[in-house]
């Protein structure tokens, strides 16, 4: 099956958390899985913010190879729900001001944790296994993922600001990418996909503003 990469991107943007599997230091040879919140970066790669005291943090510092399993939010019938397993390498990062602002738009509850021992790691995908439902599955390789269109964080911040002004009251715009717009209503993350995506960079702001006005 040819995997629709736009559906993979959308699932990573819709989900607020996933199950991170690391190589256990305490029990060598065994995987250690735990649920973690994450935010997709400008390249839609998952970024996590974890405590230095956490078991999984110690594991990934010893071995960067990880996987992240993500299920469609609110899924009831798991066998027929979109889901994916992202396999890649985690690297510690120091986000710049724009990257940090983006992360906190999606996960504002993280801000007080930054005064503690929490650290940021980006998971760069090596391969992604996507399952759209029973009998609908396939792989996306690193080259296809690396070819995804990106929006520079500084440019995206300006589009988000303009889209926020265009959005109805009660809607908080979180982020924009070539495939859709992420927003929050009453504490619940949602996504509206763009028609005819990916949208060219020079048309992204106009598309985002038009979609933002219809959110709700």
N, C-alpha and C. Protein backbone atom coordinates (compact mmCIF):
# COMPACT_ATOMS: atom_id res chain seq x y z
N UNK A 1 0.84 -1.20 0.00
CA UNK A 1 0.00 0.00 0.00
C UNK A 1 0.87 1.25 0.00
N UNK A 2 0.51 2.20 -0.85
CA UNK A 2 1.20 3.49 -0.83
C UNK A 2 0.66 4.32 0.33
N UNK A 3 1.54 4.67 1.24
CA UNK A 3 1.10 5.35 2.45
C UNK A 3 0.84 6.83 2.15
N UNK A 4 -0.33 7.34 2.49
CA UNK A 4 -0.62 8.77 2.30
C UNK A 4 0.10 9.59 3.36
N UNK A 5 1.17 10.26 2.97
CA UNK A 5 2.01 10.94 3.95
C UNK A 5 1.26 12.08 4.64
N UNK A 6 0.26 12.65 3.97
CA UNK A 6 -0.51 13.71 4.62
C UNK A 6 -1.28 13.18 5.83
N UNK A 7 -1.74 11.91 5.76
CA UNK A 7 -2.43 11.32 6.90
C UNK A 7 -1.48 11.06 8.06
N UNK A 8 -0.24 10.71 7.74
CA UNK A 8 0.77 10.51 8.77
C UNK A 8 1.06 11.82 9.48
N UNK A 9 1.27 12.88 8.69
CA UNK A 9 1.52 14.20 9.25
C UNK A 9 0.35 14.63 10.13
N UNK A 10 -0.85 14.44 9.64
CA UNK A 10 -2.03 14.87 10.39
C UNK A 10 -2.15 14.13 11.72
N UNK A 11 -1.88 12.83 11.72
CA UNK A 11 -1.97 12.07 12.96
C UNK A 11 -0.96 12.56 13.99
N UNK A 12 0.24 12.87 13.55
CA UNK A 12 1.25 13.39 14.48
C UNK A 12 0.87 14.76 15.03
N UNK A 13 0.09 15.51 14.27
CA UNK A 13 -0.33 16.83 14.74
C UNK A 13 -1.58 16.75 15.60
N UNK A 14 -2.43 15.77 15.36
CA UNK A 14 -3.66 15.63 16.14
C UNK A 14 -3.39 15.10 17.54
N UNK A 15 -2.42 14.22 17.66
CA UNK A 15 -2.17 13.55 18.93
C UNK A 15 -1.37 14.43 19.87
N UNK A 16 -1.73 14.41 21.15
CA UNK A 16 -0.99 15.18 22.15
C UNK A 16 0.03 14.32 22.89
N UNK A 17 -0.06 13.01 22.72
CA UNK A 17 0.87 12.12 23.42
C UNK A 17 1.00 10.81 22.65
N UNK A 18 2.04 10.06 22.98
CA UNK A 18 2.28 8.76 22.37
C UNK A 18 3.04 7.88 23.34
N UNK A 19 3.26 6.64 22.95
CA UNK A 19 4.00 5.70 23.80
C UNK A 19 5.43 5.62 23.29
N UNK A 20 6.35 6.07 24.12
CA UNK A 20 7.78 6.09 23.77
C UNK A 20 8.43 4.80 24.27
N UNK A 21 9.13 4.12 23.39
CA UNK A 21 9.86 2.91 23.77
C UNK A 21 11.36 3.17 23.66
N UNK A 22 12.07 2.93 24.75
CA UNK A 22 13.52 3.10 24.79
C UNK A 22 14.16 1.77 25.18
N UNK A 23 15.49 1.70 25.06
CA UNK A 23 16.22 0.50 25.47
C UNK A 23 16.52 0.60 26.96
N UNK A 24 16.02 -0.35 27.73
CA UNK A 24 16.12 -0.28 29.19
C UNK A 24 17.56 -0.44 29.67
N UNK A 25 18.01 0.51 30.49
CA UNK A 25 19.33 0.39 31.13
C UNK A 25 19.26 -0.56 32.33
N UNK A 26 18.16 -0.47 33.08
CA UNK A 26 18.01 -1.29 34.28
C UNK A 26 17.82 -2.76 33.95
N UNK A 27 17.14 -3.04 32.84
CA UNK A 27 16.88 -4.42 32.40
C UNK A 27 17.40 -4.56 30.97
N UNK A 28 18.70 -4.70 30.80
CA UNK A 28 19.29 -4.73 29.46
C UNK A 28 18.63 -5.78 28.55
N UNK A 29 18.37 -5.35 27.32
CA UNK A 29 17.77 -6.25 26.34
C UNK A 29 16.27 -6.11 26.24
N UNK A 30 15.66 -5.42 27.19
CA UNK A 30 14.22 -5.25 27.18
C UNK A 30 13.85 -3.83 26.75
N UNK A 31 12.74 -3.69 26.03
CA UNK A 31 12.24 -2.34 25.74
C UNK A 31 11.52 -1.78 26.95
N UNK A 32 11.59 -0.46 27.10
CA UNK A 32 10.91 0.22 28.20
C UNK A 32 9.95 1.22 27.56
N UNK A 33 8.65 1.01 27.76
CA UNK A 33 7.64 1.86 27.12
C UNK A 33 6.92 2.71 28.14
N UNK A 34 6.72 3.96 27.80
CA UNK A 34 6.02 4.88 28.69
C UNK A 34 5.33 5.95 27.85
N UNK A 35 4.23 6.47 28.36
CA UNK A 35 3.47 7.50 27.64
C UNK A 35 4.09 8.87 27.90
N UNK A 36 4.30 9.62 26.83
CA UNK A 36 4.88 10.96 26.95
C UNK A 36 4.11 11.94 26.07
N UNK A 37 3.97 13.19 26.50
CA UNK A 37 3.43 14.21 25.60
C UNK A 37 4.48 14.60 24.57
N UNK A 38 4.04 15.05 23.41
CA UNK A 38 4.99 15.51 22.39
C UNK A 38 4.34 16.59 21.56
N UNK A 39 5.18 17.37 20.89
CA UNK A 39 4.73 18.43 19.99
C UNK A 39 5.50 18.28 18.68
N UNK A 40 4.82 18.30 17.54
CA UNK A 40 5.55 18.24 16.27
C UNK A 40 6.26 19.56 15.99
N UNK A 41 7.50 19.47 15.50
CA UNK A 41 8.23 20.70 15.19
C UNK A 41 7.89 21.17 13.78
N UNK A 42 8.65 22.11 13.27
CA UNK A 42 8.37 22.67 11.95
C UNK A 42 8.46 21.63 10.84
N UNK A 43 9.22 20.55 11.10
CA UNK A 43 9.34 19.46 10.13
C UNK A 43 8.43 18.30 10.48
N UNK A 44 7.52 18.52 11.43
CA UNK A 44 6.57 17.52 11.92
C UNK A 44 7.24 16.37 12.67
N UNK A 45 8.50 16.54 13.05
CA UNK A 45 9.18 15.54 13.88
C UNK A 45 8.78 15.74 15.33
N UNK A 46 8.52 14.66 16.08
CA UNK A 46 8.09 14.81 17.47
C UNK A 46 9.20 15.37 18.36
N UNK A 47 8.83 16.32 19.21
CA UNK A 47 9.73 16.87 20.22
C UNK A 47 9.12 16.56 21.59
N UNK A 48 9.93 16.00 22.48
CA UNK A 48 9.46 15.68 23.82
C UNK A 48 10.24 16.51 24.83
N UNK A 49 9.61 16.75 25.97
CA UNK A 49 10.25 17.48 27.08
C UNK A 49 10.15 16.58 28.30
N UNK A 50 11.28 16.08 28.78
CA UNK A 50 11.28 15.04 29.80
C UNK A 50 12.22 15.40 30.95
N UNK A 51 11.94 14.85 32.11
CA UNK A 51 12.76 15.10 33.29
C UNK A 51 14.06 14.31 33.23
N UNK A 52 15.13 14.93 33.73
CA UNK A 52 16.42 14.23 33.79
C UNK A 52 16.36 13.03 34.73
N UNK A 53 15.38 13.01 35.63
CA UNK A 53 15.26 11.92 36.59
C UNK A 53 14.45 10.75 36.06
N UNK A 54 13.80 10.93 34.91
CA UNK A 54 12.93 9.89 34.38
C UNK A 54 13.75 8.70 33.85
N UNK A 55 13.17 7.53 34.00
CA UNK A 55 13.83 6.31 33.53
C UNK A 55 14.07 6.36 32.02
N UNK A 56 13.08 6.83 31.28
CA UNK A 56 13.23 6.86 29.83
C UNK A 56 14.28 7.87 29.37
N UNK A 57 14.46 8.94 30.14
CA UNK A 57 15.51 9.91 29.79
C UNK A 57 16.89 9.28 29.94
N UNK A 58 17.08 8.57 31.02
CA UNK A 58 18.36 7.86 31.22
C UNK A 58 18.59 6.85 30.10
N UNK A 59 17.52 6.18 29.69
CA UNK A 59 17.65 5.19 28.63
C UNK A 59 18.06 5.82 27.30
N UNK A 60 17.38 6.90 26.93
CA UNK A 60 17.67 7.46 25.60
C UNK A 60 19.01 8.21 25.56
N UNK A 61 19.50 8.65 26.72
CA UNK A 61 20.85 9.22 26.75
C UNK A 61 21.91 8.14 26.54
N UNK A 62 21.58 6.92 26.94
CA UNK A 62 22.51 5.80 26.76
C UNK A 62 22.40 5.20 25.36
N UNK A 63 21.21 5.26 24.76
CA UNK A 63 20.99 4.69 23.43
C UNK A 63 19.91 5.54 22.76
N UNK A 64 20.28 6.25 21.72
CA UNK A 64 19.37 7.21 21.08
C UNK A 64 18.28 6.55 20.26
N UNK A 65 18.36 5.26 20.02
CA UNK A 65 17.37 4.57 19.17
C UNK A 65 16.07 4.38 19.95
N UNK A 66 14.99 4.92 19.40
CA UNK A 66 13.70 4.87 20.07
C UNK A 66 12.59 4.58 19.05
N UNK A 67 11.41 4.32 19.57
CA UNK A 67 10.22 4.32 18.72
C UNK A 67 9.10 5.02 19.47
N UNK A 68 8.19 5.60 18.71
CA UNK A 68 7.06 6.32 19.28
C UNK A 68 5.80 5.80 18.61
N UNK A 69 4.88 5.27 19.41
CA UNK A 69 3.62 4.75 18.90
C UNK A 69 2.51 5.76 19.17
N UNK A 70 1.74 6.06 18.13
CA UNK A 70 0.69 7.09 18.22
C UNK A 70 -0.62 6.52 17.70
N UNK A 71 -1.70 6.74 18.45
CA UNK A 71 -3.04 6.29 18.08
C UNK A 71 -3.93 7.51 17.89
N UNK A 72 -4.84 7.42 16.93
CA UNK A 72 -5.77 8.53 16.69
C UNK A 72 -6.51 8.88 17.97
N UNK A 73 -6.49 10.15 18.37
CA UNK A 73 -7.18 10.55 19.61
C UNK A 73 -8.66 10.17 19.57
N UNK A 74 -9.14 9.65 20.68
CA UNK A 74 -10.55 9.30 20.80
C UNK A 74 -10.95 8.01 20.13
N UNK A 75 -9.99 7.25 19.63
CA UNK A 75 -10.32 6.01 18.92
C UNK A 75 -10.99 5.01 19.86
N UNK A 76 -12.04 4.38 19.36
CA UNK A 76 -12.75 3.34 20.11
C UNK A 76 -12.42 1.97 19.55
N UNK A 77 -12.51 1.84 18.24
CA UNK A 77 -12.17 0.58 17.57
C UNK A 77 -10.72 0.68 17.10
N UNK A 78 -9.81 0.20 17.93
CA UNK A 78 -8.38 0.37 17.66
C UNK A 78 -7.97 -0.32 16.36
N UNK A 79 -8.57 -1.46 16.05
CA UNK A 79 -8.19 -2.19 14.84
C UNK A 79 -8.46 -1.40 13.57
N UNK A 80 -9.47 -0.53 13.61
CA UNK A 80 -9.81 0.25 12.42
C UNK A 80 -9.37 1.70 12.51
N UNK A 81 -8.70 2.06 13.60
CA UNK A 81 -8.29 3.45 13.79
C UNK A 81 -6.91 3.70 13.18
N UNK A 82 -6.67 4.87 12.63
CA UNK A 82 -5.32 5.21 12.17
C UNK A 82 -4.33 5.22 13.34
N UNK A 83 -3.17 4.67 13.09
CA UNK A 83 -2.12 4.62 14.11
C UNK A 83 -0.78 4.47 13.41
N UNK A 84 0.28 4.74 14.13
CA UNK A 84 1.60 4.64 13.51
C UNK A 84 2.64 4.32 14.56
N UNK A 85 3.75 3.78 14.08
CA UNK A 85 4.95 3.61 14.90
C UNK A 85 6.09 4.29 14.18
N UNK A 86 6.64 5.30 14.83
CA UNK A 86 7.77 6.05 14.28
C UNK A 86 9.05 5.53 14.91
N UNK A 87 9.97 5.10 14.08
CA UNK A 87 11.26 4.59 14.54
C UNK A 87 12.33 5.61 14.18
N UNK A 88 13.15 6.00 15.15
CA UNK A 88 14.16 7.01 14.84
C UNK A 88 15.16 7.19 15.95
N UNK A 89 15.87 8.29 15.88
CA UNK A 89 16.91 8.60 16.86
C UNK A 89 16.57 9.89 17.58
N UNK A 90 16.71 9.86 18.89
CA UNK A 90 16.42 11.04 19.72
C UNK A 90 17.70 11.80 20.01
N UNK A 91 17.65 13.10 19.86
CA UNK A 91 18.81 13.94 20.13
C UNK A 91 18.37 15.11 21.02
N UNK A 92 19.17 15.38 22.02
CA UNK A 92 18.85 16.50 22.90
C UNK A 92 19.04 17.81 22.13
N UNK A 93 18.13 18.75 22.33
CA UNK A 93 18.20 20.04 21.64
C UNK A 93 18.00 21.18 22.64
N UNK A 94 18.49 22.34 22.27
CA UNK A 94 18.21 23.57 22.99
C UNK A 94 17.39 24.45 22.04
N UNK A 95 16.07 24.45 22.19
CA UNK A 95 15.23 25.20 21.24
C UNK A 95 15.51 26.69 21.29
N UNK A 96 15.49 27.32 20.10
CA UNK A 96 15.62 28.77 20.08
C UNK A 96 14.29 29.39 20.49
N UNK A 97 14.21 30.71 20.51
CA UNK A 97 13.02 31.40 21.02
C UNK A 97 11.77 31.04 20.23
N UNK A 98 11.88 30.97 18.90
CA UNK A 98 10.71 30.63 18.08
C UNK A 98 10.28 29.18 18.30
N UNK A 99 11.24 28.29 18.40
CA UNK A 99 10.92 26.87 18.62
C UNK A 99 10.27 26.66 19.98
N UNK A 100 10.80 27.36 20.99
CA UNK A 100 10.22 27.23 22.33
C UNK A 100 8.80 27.80 22.37
N UNK A 101 8.60 28.93 21.72
CA UNK A 101 7.27 29.54 21.68
C UNK A 101 6.27 28.60 21.02
N UNK A 102 6.70 27.92 19.95
CA UNK A 102 5.82 26.97 19.27
C UNK A 102 5.46 25.83 20.20
N UNK A 103 6.46 25.29 20.89
CA UNK A 103 6.20 24.16 21.79
C UNK A 103 5.20 24.57 22.86
N UNK A 104 5.37 25.74 23.43
CA UNK A 104 4.50 26.17 24.53
C UNK A 104 3.10 26.56 24.06
N UNK A 105 2.95 26.90 22.78
CA UNK A 105 1.60 27.11 22.26
C UNK A 105 0.81 25.81 22.33
N UNK A 106 1.46 24.71 21.97
CA UNK A 106 0.81 23.40 21.99
C UNK A 106 0.70 22.83 23.41
N UNK A 107 1.70 23.06 24.23
CA UNK A 107 1.77 22.45 25.56
C UNK A 107 2.10 23.50 26.61
N UNK A 108 1.19 24.42 26.89
CA UNK A 108 1.49 25.51 27.83
C UNK A 108 1.78 25.02 29.25
N UNK A 109 1.26 23.85 29.62
CA UNK A 109 1.51 23.34 30.97
C UNK A 109 2.97 22.96 31.18
N UNK A 110 3.75 22.92 30.10
CA UNK A 110 5.18 22.59 30.21
C UNK A 110 5.99 23.74 30.78
N UNK A 111 5.52 24.97 30.63
CA UNK A 111 6.34 26.14 30.98
C UNK A 111 6.90 26.11 32.40
N UNK A 112 6.10 25.82 33.44
CA UNK A 112 6.70 25.79 34.79
C UNK A 112 7.72 24.68 34.99
N UNK A 113 7.65 23.64 34.17
CA UNK A 113 8.60 22.54 34.29
C UNK A 113 10.00 22.94 33.83
N UNK A 114 10.08 23.99 33.00
CA UNK A 114 11.37 24.40 32.45
C UNK A 114 12.28 24.99 33.52
N UNK A 115 11.71 25.36 34.66
CA UNK A 115 12.53 25.85 35.78
C UNK A 115 13.13 24.69 36.57
N UNK A 116 12.70 23.48 36.24
CA UNK A 116 13.21 22.28 36.91
C UNK A 116 14.29 21.65 36.05
N UNK A 117 14.30 20.32 35.98
CA UNK A 117 15.38 19.61 35.28
C UNK A 117 14.93 19.06 33.93
N UNK A 118 13.87 19.63 33.35
CA UNK A 118 13.31 19.08 32.12
C UNK A 118 14.16 19.48 30.91
N UNK A 119 14.27 18.55 29.96
CA UNK A 119 15.11 18.71 28.78
C UNK A 119 14.30 18.39 27.52
N UNK A 120 14.71 18.99 26.41
CA UNK A 120 14.04 18.75 25.14
C UNK A 120 14.84 17.76 24.29
N UNK A 121 14.10 16.85 23.65
CA UNK A 121 14.69 15.91 22.70
C UNK A 121 13.82 15.88 21.45
N UNK A 122 14.48 15.88 20.29
CA UNK A 122 13.77 15.73 19.02
C UNK A 122 14.00 14.31 18.50
N UNK A 123 12.94 13.69 18.02
CA UNK A 123 13.06 12.34 17.45
C UNK A 123 13.03 12.47 15.93
N UNK A 124 14.16 12.21 15.30
CA UNK A 124 14.22 12.29 13.84
C UNK A 124 13.85 10.92 13.26
N UNK A 125 12.80 10.86 12.44
CA UNK A 125 12.34 9.56 11.94
C UNK A 125 13.33 8.91 10.97
N UNK A 126 13.55 7.62 11.18
CA UNK A 126 14.28 6.80 10.21
C UNK A 126 13.29 6.07 9.31
N UNK A 127 12.15 5.68 9.90
CA UNK A 127 11.08 5.00 9.16
C UNK A 127 9.80 5.11 9.98
N UNK A 128 8.68 5.09 9.28
CA UNK A 128 7.38 5.17 9.95
C UNK A 128 6.47 4.08 9.37
N UNK A 129 5.89 3.30 10.25
CA UNK A 129 4.90 2.31 9.86
C UNK A 129 3.52 2.88 10.15
N UNK A 130 2.73 3.08 9.11
CA UNK A 130 1.40 3.67 9.26
C UNK A 130 0.35 2.62 8.98
N UNK A 131 -0.67 2.56 9.85
CA UNK A 131 -1.80 1.65 9.66
C UNK A 131 -3.06 2.49 9.63
N UNK A 132 -3.75 2.48 8.50
CA UNK A 132 -4.96 3.26 8.36
C UNK A 132 -6.20 2.51 8.77
N UNK A 133 -6.07 1.22 9.05
CA UNK A 133 -7.19 0.35 9.40
C UNK A 133 -6.84 -1.07 8.98
N UNK A 134 -7.78 -1.98 9.11
CA UNK A 134 -7.52 -3.38 8.78
C UNK A 134 -7.13 -3.50 7.31
N UNK A 135 -5.96 -4.08 7.05
CA UNK A 135 -5.48 -4.31 5.69
C UNK A 135 -4.95 -3.09 4.98
N UNK A 136 -4.86 -1.96 5.66
CA UNK A 136 -4.35 -0.73 5.04
C UNK A 136 -3.13 -0.26 5.82
N UNK A 137 -1.96 -0.58 5.30
CA UNK A 137 -0.74 -0.30 6.04
C UNK A 137 0.44 -0.19 5.09
N UNK A 138 1.51 0.42 5.57
CA UNK A 138 2.71 0.54 4.76
C UNK A 138 3.77 1.36 5.49
N UNK A 139 4.94 1.47 4.85
CA UNK A 139 6.08 2.16 5.43
C UNK A 139 6.35 3.47 4.71
N UNK A 140 6.85 4.44 5.45
CA UNK A 140 7.40 5.67 4.88
C UNK A 140 8.87 5.73 5.30
N UNK A 141 9.75 5.89 4.33
CA UNK A 141 11.18 5.93 4.60
C UNK A 141 11.66 7.33 4.95
N UNK A 142 12.90 7.40 5.37
CA UNK A 142 13.47 8.67 5.81
C UNK A 142 13.54 9.69 4.68
N UNK A 143 13.87 9.24 3.47
CA UNK A 143 14.01 10.19 2.36
C UNK A 143 12.68 10.88 2.05
N UNK A 144 11.58 10.13 2.09
CA UNK A 144 10.26 10.72 1.84
C UNK A 144 9.90 11.69 2.95
N UNK A 145 10.25 11.33 4.17
CA UNK A 145 9.95 12.20 5.30
C UNK A 145 10.77 13.49 5.23
N UNK A 146 12.04 13.36 4.90
CA UNK A 146 12.91 14.54 4.84
C UNK A 146 12.50 15.50 3.72
N UNK A 147 11.74 15.00 2.75
CA UNK A 147 11.31 15.84 1.63
C UNK A 147 10.04 16.64 1.95
N UNK A 148 9.46 16.44 3.14
CA UNK A 148 8.26 17.19 3.50
C UNK A 148 8.53 18.70 3.48
N UNK A 149 7.56 19.47 3.03
CA UNK A 149 7.73 20.94 3.07
C UNK A 149 7.77 21.42 4.51
N UNK A 150 8.58 22.45 4.76
CA UNK A 150 8.70 23.01 6.10
C UNK A 150 8.42 24.50 6.08
N UNK A 151 7.98 24.99 7.21
CA UNK A 151 7.77 26.43 7.39
C UNK A 151 8.70 26.87 8.50
N UNK A 152 9.55 27.85 8.24
CA UNK A 152 10.47 28.33 9.26
C UNK A 152 9.68 28.81 10.47
N UNK A 153 10.14 28.45 11.68
CA UNK A 153 9.39 28.81 12.90
C UNK A 153 9.04 30.29 12.99
N UNK A 154 9.97 31.18 12.60
CA UNK A 154 9.68 32.60 12.66
C UNK A 154 8.56 33.00 11.71
N UNK A 155 8.57 32.43 10.51
CA UNK A 155 7.50 32.70 9.54
C UNK A 155 6.18 32.14 10.04
N UNK A 156 6.24 30.94 10.57
CA UNK A 156 5.03 30.29 11.07
C UNK A 156 4.41 31.10 12.21
N UNK A 157 5.23 31.65 13.08
CA UNK A 157 4.73 32.43 14.21
C UNK A 157 3.90 33.62 13.72
N UNK A 158 4.36 34.25 12.65
CA UNK A 158 3.61 35.38 12.10
C UNK A 158 2.28 34.94 11.51
N UNK A 159 2.27 33.79 10.84
CA UNK A 159 1.03 33.27 10.27
C UNK A 159 0.05 32.89 11.39
N UNK A 160 0.58 32.26 12.44
CA UNK A 160 -0.26 31.88 13.58
C UNK A 160 -0.89 33.11 14.22
N UNK A 161 -0.12 34.17 14.36
CA UNK A 161 -0.64 35.39 14.95
C UNK A 161 -1.78 35.96 14.11
N UNK A 162 -1.58 35.99 12.80
CA UNK A 162 -2.63 36.51 11.91
C UNK A 162 -3.84 35.60 11.90
N UNK A 163 -3.62 34.30 11.90
CA UNK A 163 -4.73 33.34 11.90
C UNK A 163 -5.51 33.41 13.21
N UNK A 164 -4.84 33.70 14.30
CA UNK A 164 -5.51 33.83 15.59
C UNK A 164 -6.49 35.00 15.58
N UNK A 165 -6.11 36.08 14.91
CA UNK A 165 -6.99 37.24 14.81
C UNK A 165 -8.20 36.95 13.92
N UNK A 166 -8.00 36.06 12.95
CA UNK A 166 -9.09 35.71 12.03
C UNK A 166 -10.03 34.67 12.60
N UNK A 167 -9.56 33.89 13.59
CA UNK A 167 -10.35 32.78 14.13
C UNK A 167 -11.48 33.29 15.03
N UNK A 168 -12.56 32.53 15.14
CA UNK A 168 -13.66 32.91 16.03
C UNK A 168 -13.23 32.90 17.49
N UNK A 169 -13.98 33.57 18.36
CA UNK A 169 -13.69 33.56 19.78
C UNK A 169 -13.73 32.15 20.34
N UNK A 170 -12.84 31.88 21.28
CA UNK A 170 -12.78 30.55 21.88
C UNK A 170 -11.87 29.59 21.16
N UNK A 171 -11.36 30.00 20.00
CA UNK A 171 -10.43 29.17 19.23
C UNK A 171 -9.02 29.71 19.41
N UNK A 172 -8.12 28.83 19.80
CA UNK A 172 -6.71 29.22 19.96
C UNK A 172 -5.89 28.50 18.90
N UNK A 173 -5.33 29.25 17.97
CA UNK A 173 -4.53 28.65 16.90
C UNK A 173 -3.17 28.25 17.47
N UNK A 174 -2.77 27.01 17.21
CA UNK A 174 -1.53 26.46 17.75
C UNK A 174 -0.39 26.48 16.74
N UNK A 175 -0.66 26.06 15.53
CA UNK A 175 0.41 25.96 14.55
C UNK A 175 -0.13 25.78 13.15
N UNK A 176 0.73 26.03 12.19
CA UNK A 176 0.38 25.91 10.78
C UNK A 176 1.51 25.21 10.05
N UNK A 177 1.18 24.32 9.13
CA UNK A 177 2.17 23.66 8.27
C UNK A 177 1.57 23.51 6.89
N UNK A 178 2.31 22.93 5.98
CA UNK A 178 1.85 22.84 4.60
C UNK A 178 0.63 21.97 4.39
N UNK A 179 0.26 21.17 5.38
CA UNK A 179 -0.86 20.25 5.24
C UNK A 179 -2.10 20.64 6.05
N UNK A 180 -1.95 21.56 7.02
CA UNK A 180 -3.12 21.89 7.81
C UNK A 180 -2.82 22.89 8.91
N UNK A 181 -3.85 23.16 9.71
CA UNK A 181 -3.77 24.11 10.80
C UNK A 181 -4.22 23.42 12.09
N UNK A 182 -3.46 23.58 13.15
CA UNK A 182 -3.77 23.00 14.45
C UNK A 182 -4.36 24.08 15.34
N UNK A 183 -5.39 23.71 16.11
CA UNK A 183 -6.01 24.69 16.99
C UNK A 183 -6.57 24.01 18.22
N UNK A 184 -6.92 24.81 19.21
CA UNK A 184 -7.43 24.31 20.48
C UNK A 184 -8.78 24.94 20.77
N UNK A 185 -9.71 24.11 21.21
CA UNK A 185 -11.00 24.58 21.68
C UNK A 185 -11.27 23.93 23.03
N UNK A 186 -11.40 24.72 24.05
CA UNK A 186 -11.71 24.24 25.41
C UNK A 186 -10.73 23.17 25.87
N UNK A 187 -9.46 23.38 25.54
CA UNK A 187 -8.43 22.45 26.01
C UNK A 187 -8.26 21.20 25.18
N UNK A 188 -8.96 21.10 24.05
CA UNK A 188 -8.85 19.92 23.20
C UNK A 188 -8.17 20.30 21.88
N UNK A 189 -7.09 19.58 21.56
CA UNK A 189 -6.38 19.85 20.32
C UNK A 189 -7.15 19.29 19.13
N UNK A 190 -7.24 20.11 18.09
CA UNK A 190 -7.92 19.69 16.86
C UNK A 190 -7.08 20.09 15.65
N UNK A 191 -7.48 19.57 14.51
CA UNK A 191 -6.74 19.89 13.27
C UNK A 191 -7.72 19.98 12.12
N UNK A 192 -7.48 20.95 11.25
CA UNK A 192 -8.21 21.07 10.01
C UNK A 192 -7.21 20.93 8.86
N UNK A 193 -7.40 19.93 8.04
CA UNK A 193 -6.49 19.70 6.93
C UNK A 193 -6.81 20.67 5.79
N UNK A 194 -5.78 21.08 5.06
CA UNK A 194 -5.97 21.96 3.92
C UNK A 194 -6.38 21.14 2.70
N UNK A 195 -7.31 21.65 1.90
CA UNK A 195 -7.59 20.99 0.62
C UNK A 195 -6.42 21.21 -0.34
N UNK A 196 -6.18 20.21 -1.17
CA UNK A 196 -5.13 20.31 -2.19
C UNK A 196 -3.74 20.52 -1.59
N UNK A 197 -3.51 19.94 -0.42
CA UNK A 197 -2.20 20.05 0.25
C UNK A 197 -1.17 19.16 -0.44
N UNK A 198 0.13 19.49 -0.32
CA UNK A 198 0.67 20.59 0.50
C UNK A 198 0.51 21.95 -0.19
N UNK A 199 0.35 22.96 0.65
CA UNK A 199 0.18 24.32 0.17
C UNK A 199 1.55 24.96 -0.04
N UNK A 200 1.71 25.64 -1.18
CA UNK A 200 2.97 26.32 -1.47
C UNK A 200 3.22 27.41 -0.43
N UNK A 201 4.49 27.65 -0.08
CA UNK A 201 4.81 28.65 0.95
C UNK A 201 4.20 30.02 0.70
N UNK A 202 4.17 30.44 -0.58
CA UNK A 202 3.66 31.78 -0.86
C UNK A 202 2.14 31.88 -0.74
N UNK A 203 1.46 30.73 -0.63
CA UNK A 203 0.00 30.73 -0.48
C UNK A 203 -0.44 30.29 0.91
N UNK A 204 0.54 29.98 1.78
CA UNK A 204 0.20 29.39 3.06
C UNK A 204 -0.57 30.35 3.97
N UNK A 205 -0.12 31.60 4.05
CA UNK A 205 -0.80 32.53 4.95
C UNK A 205 -2.25 32.77 4.53
N UNK A 206 -2.47 33.00 3.25
CA UNK A 206 -3.83 33.24 2.77
C UNK A 206 -4.72 32.03 3.03
N UNK A 207 -4.19 30.83 2.81
CA UNK A 207 -4.95 29.61 3.05
C UNK A 207 -5.27 29.46 4.54
N UNK A 208 -4.26 29.73 5.38
CA UNK A 208 -4.46 29.59 6.82
C UNK A 208 -5.50 30.57 7.34
N UNK A 209 -5.48 31.80 6.83
CA UNK A 209 -6.43 32.81 7.29
C UNK A 209 -7.85 32.44 6.89
N UNK A 210 -8.01 31.91 5.67
CA UNK A 210 -9.34 31.52 5.21
C UNK A 210 -9.89 30.35 6.04
N UNK A 211 -9.04 29.39 6.33
CA UNK A 211 -9.48 28.24 7.12
C UNK A 211 -9.73 28.66 8.56
N UNK A 212 -8.87 29.50 9.12
CA UNK A 212 -9.01 29.92 10.51
C UNK A 212 -10.35 30.60 10.75
N UNK A 213 -10.82 31.36 9.80
CA UNK A 213 -12.10 32.07 9.94
C UNK A 213 -13.27 31.11 10.04
N UNK A 214 -13.08 29.87 9.56
CA UNK A 214 -14.19 28.89 9.56
C UNK A 214 -14.10 27.89 10.71
N UNK A 215 -13.10 28.03 11.56
CA UNK A 215 -12.92 27.07 12.64
C UNK A 215 -14.01 27.23 13.71
N UNK A 216 -14.26 26.12 14.41
CA UNK A 216 -15.24 26.18 15.47
C UNK A 216 -15.94 24.86 15.65
